[in-house]
Amino acid sequence: QSWSTVAAATEPSPTADGVLLGGDLDGIAADGSTMILSSSSGGSELETSADGGVTWSRTLGLASGGTPWSSVVFLDPQDVLAVTSAEPQVAAGSAYISTDAGQTWTELDIPG
């Protein structure tokens, strides 16, 4: 019935090599402190902010040809599920889990 702002994302910051981080805001923790951006341009990346969008770091980078992300969901404050779309001519979809609020990721083995 009503909405309130819990965090305001800032412009993503440059990495050490000068590349700007950025993408679609796909996941946000219930308290607004942790946010995850997904991007897919040449590769598929997830960038994470643990401080409400003040600073960002790339936490997952796939050399996937830019396969889009279909979903990035916080299951609880620490567990995050990220799924890439299935692209018939590029690759089958993949799923990744983080148990530390998006700081590290493990690919899930999903049978064929």
Protein backbone atom coordinates (compact mmCIF):
# COMPACT_ATOMS: atom_id res chain seq x y z
CA GLN A 1 0.00 0.00 0.00
CA SER A 2 2.87 2.35 0.60
CA TRP A 3 6.50 2.59 -0.43
CA SER A 4 9.53 4.27 1.08
CA THR A 5 13.12 4.72 -0.08
CA VAL A 6 15.62 2.47 1.72
CA ALA A 7 18.65 3.35 -0.40
CA ALA A 8 19.56 5.51 -3.36
CA ALA A 9 22.00 4.04 -5.85
CA THR A 10 24.79 6.34 -6.95
CA GLU A 11 26.55 6.40 -10.28
CA PRO A 12 28.76 3.32 -10.34
CA SER A 13 32.42 4.08 -9.78
CA PRO A 14 35.39 3.37 -12.06
CA THR A 15 37.42 0.22 -11.54
CA ALA A 16 41.22 0.21 -11.27
CA ASP A 17 41.47 -0.02 -15.06
CA GLY A 18 39.12 2.94 -15.54
CA VAL A 19 36.12 0.92 -16.72
CA LEU A 20 32.84 2.18 -15.32
CA LEU A 21 30.74 -0.34 -13.50
CA GLY A 22 27.05 -0.17 -14.34
CA GLY A 23 23.98 -2.06 -15.38
CA ASP A 24 20.45 -2.81 -14.27
CA LEU A 25 19.64 -2.74 -10.56
CA ASP A 26 18.39 -6.32 -10.24
CA GLY A 27 18.73 -7.25 -6.59
CA ILE A 28 18.41 -5.32 -3.37
CA ALA A 29 18.46 -6.62 0.19
CA ALA A 30 15.36 -5.93 2.26
CA ASP A 31 17.22 -3.39 4.39
CA GLY A 32 18.61 -1.59 1.32
CA SER A 33 22.24 -1.92 2.37
CA THR A 34 23.30 -4.41 -0.31
CA MET A 35 22.52 -3.94 -3.99
CA ILE A 36 23.47 -5.92 -7.07
CA LEU A 37 23.66 -4.57 -10.62
CA SER A 38 23.67 -6.92 -13.57
CA SER A 39 25.12 -6.07 -16.95
CA SER A 40 25.62 -7.97 -20.17
CA SER A 41 27.69 -6.40 -22.89
CA GLY A 42 30.44 -8.62 -24.26
CA GLY A 43 30.37 -10.53 -20.98
CA SER A 44 27.90 -11.00 -18.16
CA GLU A 45 28.80 -9.25 -14.92
CA LEU A 46 27.41 -8.71 -11.45
CA GLU A 47 28.52 -5.65 -9.49
CA THR A 48 27.81 -5.40 -5.78
CA SER A 49 27.50 -2.55 -3.31
CA ALA A 50 27.46 -3.36 0.40
CA ASP A 51 27.02 0.26 1.49
CA GLY A 52 23.75 1.38 -0.07
CA GLY A 53 25.27 2.25 -3.45
CA VAL A 54 28.17 4.43 -2.30
CA THR A 55 30.87 2.08 -3.63
CA TRP A 56 30.71 -0.82 -6.12
CA SER A 57 32.87 -3.80 -7.03
CA ARG A 58 32.61 -6.42 -9.76
CA THR A 59 31.96 -9.70 -7.95
CA LEU A 60 31.24 -12.00 -10.91
CA GLY A 61 32.39 -11.72 -14.51
CA LEU A 62 31.56 -14.29 -17.17
CA ALA A 63 33.04 -14.38 -20.67
CA SER A 64 29.63 -15.31 -22.01
CA GLY A 65 29.24 -13.10 -25.05
CA GLY A 66 26.86 -10.91 -23.09
CA THR A 67 24.22 -13.46 -22.09
CA PRO A 68 21.57 -11.46 -20.21
CA TRP A 69 20.63 -12.11 -16.61
CA SER A 70 17.05 -13.31 -16.19
CA SER A 71 16.92 -12.96 -12.41
CA VAL A 72 18.92 -11.80 -9.40
CA VAL A 73 17.03 -12.47 -6.16
CA PHE A 74 17.89 -12.09 -2.48
CA LEU A 75 16.51 -15.20 -0.75
CA ASP A 76 17.41 -13.66 2.61
CA PRO A 77 19.97 -11.00 3.64
CA GLN A 78 22.96 -13.27 2.85
CA ASP A 79 21.79 -15.73 0.18
CA VAL A 80 21.43 -14.49 -3.40
CA LEU A 81 20.48 -16.45 -6.51
CA ALA A 82 21.49 -15.20 -9.98
CA VAL A 83 20.34 -16.86 -13.21
CA THR A 84 21.39 -16.12 -16.77
CA SER A 85 18.94 -16.43 -19.64
CA ALA A 86 19.15 -19.37 -21.99
CA GLU A 87 20.35 -18.14 -25.37
CA PRO A 88 19.86 -20.84 -28.01
CA GLN A 89 22.87 -19.79 -30.12
CA VAL A 90 25.12 -18.74 -27.25
CA ALA A 91 24.70 -20.98 -24.21
CA ALA A 92 22.24 -22.63 -21.91
CA GLY A 93 21.20 -20.68 -18.85
CA SER A 94 23.40 -20.88 -15.76
CA ALA A 95 22.67 -20.34 -12.08
CA TYR A 96 24.96 -18.95 -9.38
CA ILE A 97 24.52 -18.75 -5.61
CA SER A 98 26.13 -16.39 -3.13
CA THR A 99 25.98 -17.05 0.60
CA ASP A 100 27.75 -13.79 1.55
CA ALA A 101 25.40 -11.14 0.10
CA GLY A 102 26.92 -11.19 -3.38
CA GLN A 103 30.61 -10.91 -2.49
CA THR A 104 31.49 -14.35 -3.90
CA TRP A 105 29.59 -16.69 -6.24
CA THR A 106 29.46 -20.44 -6.88
CA GLU A 107 28.02 -21.90 -10.08
CA LEU A 108 25.25 -24.40 -9.40
CA ASP A 109 25.36 -27.74 -11.17
CA ILE A 110 22.00 -28.04 -12.88
CA PRO A 111 21.50 -31.32 -14.71
CA GLY A 112 20.63 -31.07 -18.42
